[in-house]
Amino acid sequence: MDTIVPPSEAVATGVAEDRTVAIVSYLTLIGFLAGIILHQSRKTTVGAFHLRQMLGIALTGAAASLCLIVPILGWIVWLLMAIGLFILWTLGFISAVKGDMRPVPILGEHYQRWFAGVFA
């Protein structure tokens, strides 16, 4: 016999599944890759949004590591950028946990525009 799921429970389950990809994408590189795999099986706008945010944060971090080539001054710049990226990561993670599609400050809108075709 088929079970009928009340609409309120179906919506709550859908929101939880939408947030899963978003949350997992912020948990290390392995979590990001797992988020991509999960997103391929069930594409959601929240998941795609946070995958793009995390991709942007990761690539910005990789670019920031080039500062390490320059002694002293480059190391200081890298440290400041690492602190800033950690703050962006934290804000993105909090947004993912809430299920919001709030871009990270300063670069978030750019990430969405630059990676618009990715994870669509």
N, C-alpha and C. Protein backbone atom coordinates (compact mmCIF):
# COMPACT_ATOMS: atom_id res chain seq x y z
N MET A 1 0.84 -1.17 0.00
CA MET A 1 0.00 0.00 0.00
C MET A 1 0.89 1.24 0.00
N ASP A 2 0.55 2.22 -0.79
CA ASP A 2 1.35 3.44 -0.89
C ASP A 2 1.12 4.34 0.32
N THR A 3 2.21 4.96 0.74
CA THR A 3 2.11 5.91 1.85
C THR A 3 2.06 7.31 1.28
N ILE A 4 1.19 8.10 1.79
CA ILE A 4 1.05 9.48 1.33
C ILE A 4 1.82 10.38 2.30
N VAL A 5 2.74 11.14 1.74
CA VAL A 5 3.54 12.05 2.56
C VAL A 5 2.87 13.41 2.55
N PRO A 6 2.57 13.95 3.75
CA PRO A 6 1.97 15.29 3.79
C PRO A 6 2.89 16.30 3.13
N PRO A 7 2.32 17.32 2.46
CA PRO A 7 3.14 18.31 1.75
C PRO A 7 4.17 18.99 2.62
N SER A 8 3.85 19.27 3.88
CA SER A 8 4.81 19.95 4.76
C SER A 8 6.05 19.10 4.99
N GLU A 9 5.89 17.77 5.13
CA GLU A 9 7.04 16.89 5.32
C GLU A 9 7.84 16.78 4.03
N ALA A 10 7.18 16.74 2.90
CA ALA A 10 7.87 16.65 1.61
C ALA A 10 8.72 17.89 1.37
N VAL A 11 8.18 19.06 1.70
CA VAL A 11 8.93 20.30 1.54
C VAL A 11 10.13 20.31 2.47
N ALA A 12 9.94 19.90 3.73
CA ALA A 12 11.04 19.88 4.70
C ALA A 12 12.14 18.93 4.24
N THR A 13 11.78 17.77 3.71
CA THR A 13 12.77 16.83 3.22
C THR A 13 13.52 17.41 2.03
N GLY A 14 12.81 18.06 1.11
CA GLY A 14 13.44 18.67 -0.05
C GLY A 14 14.43 19.74 0.33
N VAL A 15 14.10 20.57 1.32
CA VAL A 15 15.00 21.62 1.78
C VAL A 15 16.25 21.01 2.40
N ALA A 16 16.07 19.95 3.18
CA ALA A 16 17.21 19.28 3.80
C ALA A 16 18.14 18.70 2.74
N GLU A 17 17.57 18.09 1.70
CA GLU A 17 18.38 17.53 0.63
C GLU A 17 19.09 18.63 -0.15
N ASP A 18 18.44 19.77 -0.34
CA ASP A 18 19.07 20.89 -1.02
C ASP A 18 20.28 21.38 -0.24
N ARG A 19 20.16 21.46 1.07
CA ARG A 19 21.25 21.95 1.90
C ARG A 19 22.39 20.97 2.02
N THR A 20 22.16 19.69 1.81
CA THR A 20 23.22 18.69 1.96
C THR A 20 24.39 18.98 1.04
N VAL A 21 24.12 19.20 -0.22
CA VAL A 21 25.19 19.50 -1.19
C VAL A 21 25.88 20.79 -0.80
N ALA A 22 25.11 21.78 -0.39
CA ALA A 22 25.67 23.07 -0.01
C ALA A 22 26.62 22.93 1.17
N ILE A 23 26.21 22.21 2.19
CA ILE A 23 27.04 22.04 3.39
C ILE A 23 28.27 21.21 3.08
N VAL A 24 28.09 20.08 2.41
CA VAL A 24 29.21 19.18 2.12
C VAL A 24 30.27 19.87 1.27
N SER A 25 29.86 20.78 0.40
CA SER A 25 30.81 21.43 -0.50
C SER A 25 31.85 22.26 0.26
N TYR A 26 31.54 22.70 1.47
CA TYR A 26 32.47 23.50 2.25
C TYR A 26 33.41 22.66 3.11
N LEU A 27 33.22 21.34 3.14
CA LEU A 27 34.01 20.49 4.02
C LEU A 27 35.20 19.89 3.28
N THR A 28 36.31 20.57 3.25
CA THR A 28 37.58 20.17 2.64
C THR A 28 37.45 19.89 1.14
N LEU A 29 38.54 19.56 0.52
CA LEU A 29 38.54 19.25 -0.91
C LEU A 29 37.74 17.99 -1.19
N ILE A 30 37.84 17.01 -0.32
CA ILE A 30 37.07 15.77 -0.50
C ILE A 30 35.58 16.06 -0.41
N GLY A 31 35.18 16.92 0.52
CA GLY A 31 33.78 17.30 0.64
C GLY A 31 33.30 18.04 -0.60
N PHE A 32 34.16 18.90 -1.15
CA PHE A 32 33.81 19.62 -2.37
C PHE A 32 33.57 18.64 -3.52
N LEU A 33 34.47 17.66 -3.66
CA LEU A 33 34.30 16.65 -4.71
C LEU A 33 33.05 15.80 -4.47
N ALA A 34 32.79 15.46 -3.20
CA ALA A 34 31.57 14.70 -2.88
C ALA A 34 30.34 15.54 -3.18
N GLY A 35 30.41 16.84 -2.92
CA GLY A 35 29.29 17.73 -3.24
C GLY A 35 29.01 17.75 -4.73
N ILE A 36 30.07 17.74 -5.54
CA ILE A 36 29.89 17.71 -7.00
C ILE A 36 29.19 16.42 -7.41
N ILE A 37 29.61 15.31 -6.84
CA ILE A 37 28.99 14.01 -7.18
C ILE A 37 27.53 13.98 -6.75
N LEU A 38 27.26 14.45 -5.53
CA LEU A 38 25.87 14.50 -5.06
C LEU A 38 25.03 15.42 -5.93
N HIS A 39 25.61 16.52 -6.35
CA HIS A 39 24.88 17.48 -7.17
C HIS A 39 24.53 16.90 -8.54
N GLN A 40 25.39 16.05 -9.06
CA GLN A 40 25.13 15.44 -10.37
C GLN A 40 23.90 14.54 -10.32
N SER A 41 23.66 13.88 -9.17
CA SER A 41 22.51 12.99 -9.08
C SER A 41 21.20 13.74 -8.83
N ARG A 42 21.29 14.88 -8.15
CA ARG A 42 20.08 15.68 -7.90
C ARG A 42 20.47 17.15 -7.88
N LYS A 43 20.27 17.80 -8.99
CA LYS A 43 20.69 19.21 -9.13
C LYS A 43 19.69 20.12 -8.43
N THR A 44 20.25 21.02 -7.60
CA THR A 44 19.42 22.01 -6.92
C THR A 44 20.09 23.38 -7.08
N THR A 45 19.29 24.41 -7.01
CA THR A 45 19.85 25.76 -7.15
C THR A 45 20.71 26.13 -5.95
N VAL A 46 20.32 25.70 -4.75
CA VAL A 46 21.10 26.00 -3.55
C VAL A 46 22.45 25.29 -3.63
N GLY A 47 22.43 24.02 -4.03
CA GLY A 47 23.68 23.27 -4.15
C GLY A 47 24.61 23.88 -5.18
N ALA A 48 24.08 24.23 -6.34
CA ALA A 48 24.90 24.84 -7.39
C ALA A 48 25.48 26.17 -6.94
N PHE A 49 24.66 26.97 -6.26
CA PHE A 49 25.12 28.27 -5.77
C PHE A 49 26.31 28.11 -4.84
N HIS A 50 26.21 27.21 -3.87
CA HIS A 50 27.30 27.04 -2.90
C HIS A 50 28.51 26.32 -3.49
N LEU A 51 28.29 25.46 -4.45
CA LEU A 51 29.44 24.86 -5.14
C LEU A 51 30.25 25.94 -5.86
N ARG A 52 29.55 26.89 -6.51
CA ARG A 52 30.25 27.98 -7.18
C ARG A 52 30.96 28.89 -6.18
N GLN A 53 30.33 29.14 -5.04
CA GLN A 53 30.98 29.97 -4.01
C GLN A 53 32.26 29.29 -3.52
N MET A 54 32.18 28.00 -3.24
CA MET A 54 33.35 27.29 -2.72
C MET A 54 34.43 27.15 -3.78
N LEU A 55 34.05 26.96 -5.03
CA LEU A 55 35.02 26.91 -6.11
C LEU A 55 35.79 28.23 -6.18
N GLY A 56 35.07 29.34 -6.08
CA GLY A 56 35.71 30.65 -6.10
C GLY A 56 36.65 30.85 -4.92
N ILE A 57 36.22 30.46 -3.73
CA ILE A 57 37.07 30.60 -2.54
C ILE A 57 38.33 29.75 -2.68
N ALA A 58 38.17 28.52 -3.17
CA ALA A 58 39.33 27.63 -3.34
C ALA A 58 40.31 28.17 -4.37
N LEU A 59 39.81 28.66 -5.49
CA LEU A 59 40.70 29.20 -6.52
C LEU A 59 41.37 30.49 -6.06
N THR A 60 40.66 31.30 -5.29
CA THR A 60 41.26 32.52 -4.74
C THR A 60 42.38 32.15 -3.76
N GLY A 61 42.15 31.11 -2.97
CA GLY A 61 43.18 30.63 -2.06
C GLY A 61 44.40 30.10 -2.80
N ALA A 62 44.16 29.39 -3.89
CA ALA A 62 45.29 28.88 -4.69
C ALA A 62 46.08 30.04 -5.30
N ALA A 63 45.38 31.05 -5.79
CA ALA A 63 46.07 32.22 -6.34
C ALA A 63 46.82 32.97 -5.24
N ALA A 64 46.25 33.03 -4.05
CA ALA A 64 46.91 33.73 -2.94
C ALA A 64 48.20 33.04 -2.54
N SER A 65 48.28 31.74 -2.77
CA SER A 65 49.50 31.02 -2.39
C SER A 65 50.71 31.45 -3.22
N LEU A 66 50.46 32.11 -4.35
CA LEU A 66 51.58 32.63 -5.15
C LEU A 66 52.34 33.72 -4.40
N CYS A 67 51.69 34.35 -3.43
CA CYS A 67 52.36 35.38 -2.62
C CYS A 67 53.51 34.79 -1.81
N LEU A 68 53.47 33.49 -1.56
CA LEU A 68 54.50 32.86 -0.75
C LEU A 68 55.87 32.85 -1.42
N ILE A 69 55.90 33.13 -2.72
CA ILE A 69 57.17 33.17 -3.45
C ILE A 69 58.03 34.33 -2.97
N VAL A 70 57.38 35.44 -2.63
CA VAL A 70 58.10 36.65 -2.20
C VAL A 70 58.34 36.59 -0.69
N PRO A 71 59.60 36.58 -0.27
CA PRO A 71 59.88 36.51 1.18
C PRO A 71 59.35 37.72 1.94
N ILE A 72 59.06 37.53 3.18
CA ILE A 72 58.60 38.50 4.16
C ILE A 72 57.30 39.19 3.73
N LEU A 73 57.36 40.14 2.81
CA LEU A 73 56.17 40.88 2.42
C LEU A 73 55.10 39.96 1.84
N GLY A 74 55.50 39.04 0.99
CA GLY A 74 54.57 38.08 0.40
C GLY A 74 53.96 37.18 1.46
N TRP A 75 54.75 36.81 2.45
CA TRP A 75 54.24 35.97 3.53
C TRP A 75 53.19 36.71 4.34
N ILE A 76 53.43 38.00 4.59
CA ILE A 76 52.46 38.81 5.34
C ILE A 76 51.17 38.96 4.55
N VAL A 77 51.30 39.24 3.25
CA VAL A 77 50.11 39.37 2.40
C VAL A 77 49.35 38.06 2.37
N TRP A 78 50.08 36.94 2.25
CA TRP A 78 49.43 35.62 2.23
C TRP A 78 48.68 35.37 3.53
N LEU A 79 49.28 35.70 4.66
CA LEU A 79 48.63 35.49 5.95
C LEU A 79 47.34 36.30 6.05
N LEU A 80 47.38 37.55 5.63
CA LEU A 80 46.18 38.39 5.65
C LEU A 80 45.10 37.85 4.73
N MET A 81 45.51 37.37 3.56
CA MET A 81 44.55 36.79 2.62
C MET A 81 43.97 35.49 3.17
N ALA A 82 44.80 34.69 3.83
CA ALA A 82 44.32 33.44 4.41
C ALA A 82 43.27 33.72 5.49
N ILE A 83 43.51 34.73 6.30
CA ILE A 83 42.53 35.10 7.33
C ILE A 83 41.24 35.56 6.67
N GLY A 84 41.35 36.40 5.65
CA GLY A 84 40.17 36.87 4.92
C GLY A 84 39.40 35.74 4.27
N LEU A 85 40.10 34.80 3.66
CA LEU A 85 39.44 33.67 3.02
C LEU A 85 38.77 32.76 4.04
N PHE A 86 39.38 32.63 5.22
CA PHE A 86 38.76 31.83 6.27
C PHE A 86 37.45 32.48 6.71
N ILE A 87 37.44 33.80 6.80
CA ILE A 87 36.20 34.52 7.15
C ILE A 87 35.15 34.31 6.06
N LEU A 88 35.55 34.41 4.79
CA LEU A 88 34.61 34.17 3.69
C LEU A 88 34.07 32.74 3.73
N TRP A 89 34.96 31.78 3.99
CA TRP A 89 34.56 30.38 4.08
C TRP A 89 33.54 30.19 5.20
N THR A 90 33.80 30.81 6.35
CA THR A 90 32.89 30.69 7.49
C THR A 90 31.52 31.28 7.16
N LEU A 91 31.49 32.44 6.54
CA LEU A 91 30.22 33.07 6.17
C LEU A 91 29.47 32.22 5.14
N GLY A 92 30.20 31.66 4.18
CA GLY A 92 29.57 30.78 3.19
C GLY A 92 29.01 29.53 3.82
N PHE A 93 29.75 28.95 4.75
CA PHE A 93 29.30 27.74 5.43
C PHE A 93 28.03 28.01 6.24
N ILE A 94 28.01 29.13 6.95
CA ILE A 94 26.82 29.49 7.74
C ILE A 94 25.62 29.68 6.81
N SER A 95 25.83 30.33 5.68
CA SER A 95 24.76 30.51 4.71
C SER A 95 24.26 29.17 4.19
N ALA A 96 25.17 28.22 3.96
CA ALA A 96 24.79 26.89 3.48
C ALA A 96 23.97 26.14 4.53
N VAL A 97 24.38 26.24 5.78
CA VAL A 97 23.65 25.56 6.85
C VAL A 97 22.23 26.10 6.96
N LYS A 98 22.06 27.40 6.78
CA LYS A 98 20.74 28.01 6.83
C LYS A 98 19.92 27.74 5.57
N GLY A 99 20.57 27.31 4.51
CA GLY A 99 19.87 27.09 3.24
C GLY A 99 19.69 28.37 2.44
N ASP A 100 20.40 29.42 2.84
CA ASP A 100 20.33 30.70 2.13
C ASP A 100 21.22 30.70 0.89
N MET A 101 20.91 31.57 -0.03
CA MET A 101 21.78 31.76 -1.19
C MET A 101 22.36 33.16 -1.11
N ARG A 102 23.05 33.42 0.00
CA ARG A 102 23.68 34.72 0.23
C ARG A 102 25.15 34.62 -0.21
N PRO A 103 25.58 35.43 -1.17
CA PRO A 103 26.98 35.37 -1.61
C PRO A 103 27.92 35.89 -0.53
N VAL A 104 29.14 35.38 -0.54
CA VAL A 104 30.13 35.87 0.42
C VAL A 104 30.46 37.32 0.07
N PRO A 105 30.83 38.11 1.09
CA PRO A 105 31.12 39.53 0.82
C PRO A 105 32.25 39.72 -0.17
N ILE A 106 32.24 40.80 -0.85
CA ILE A 106 33.25 41.29 -1.79
C ILE A 106 33.32 40.46 -3.07
N LEU A 107 33.61 39.17 -2.97
CA LEU A 107 33.84 38.36 -4.17
C LEU A 107 32.68 37.45 -4.56
N GLY A 108 31.72 37.26 -3.70
CA GLY A 108 30.65 36.30 -3.94
C GLY A 108 29.87 36.53 -5.22
N GLU A 109 29.50 37.78 -5.48
CA GLU A 109 28.77 38.09 -6.72
C GLU A 109 29.64 37.81 -7.95
N HIS A 110 30.92 38.09 -7.83
CA HIS A 110 31.85 37.82 -8.94
C HIS A 110 31.95 36.31 -9.19
N TYR A 111 32.04 35.53 -8.11
CA TYR A 111 32.10 34.07 -8.26
C TYR A 111 30.88 33.56 -9.02
N GLN A 112 29.70 34.06 -8.68
CA GLN A 112 28.48 33.62 -9.35
C GLN A 112 28.49 33.99 -10.83
N ARG A 113 29.00 35.16 -11.14
CA ARG A 113 29.06 35.60 -12.53
C ARG A 113 30.14 34.84 -13.30
N TRP A 114 31.34 34.70 -12.70
CA TRP A 114 32.45 34.04 -13.39
C TRP A 114 32.16 32.57 -13.65
N PHE A 115 31.51 31.91 -12.70
CA PHE A 115 31.28 30.46 -12.81
C PHE A 115 29.81 30.14 -13.09
N ALA A 116 29.13 31.05 -13.78
CA ALA A 116 27.69 30.91 -14.02
C ALA A 116 27.34 29.60 -14.74
N GLY A 117 28.17 29.15 -15.64
CA GLY A 117 27.87 27.94 -16.40
C GLY A 117 28.29 26.66 -15.71
N VAL A 118 28.99 26.78 -14.59
CA VAL A 118 29.48 25.61 -13.88
C VAL A 118 28.41 25.14 -12.89
N PHE A 119 28.20 23.86 -12.78
CA PHE A 119 27.24 23.22 -11.86
C PHE A 119 25.80 23.62 -12.17
N ALA A 120 25.51 23.96 -13.39
CA ALA A 120 24.14 24.37 -13.74
C ALA A 120 23.24 23.16 -13.90
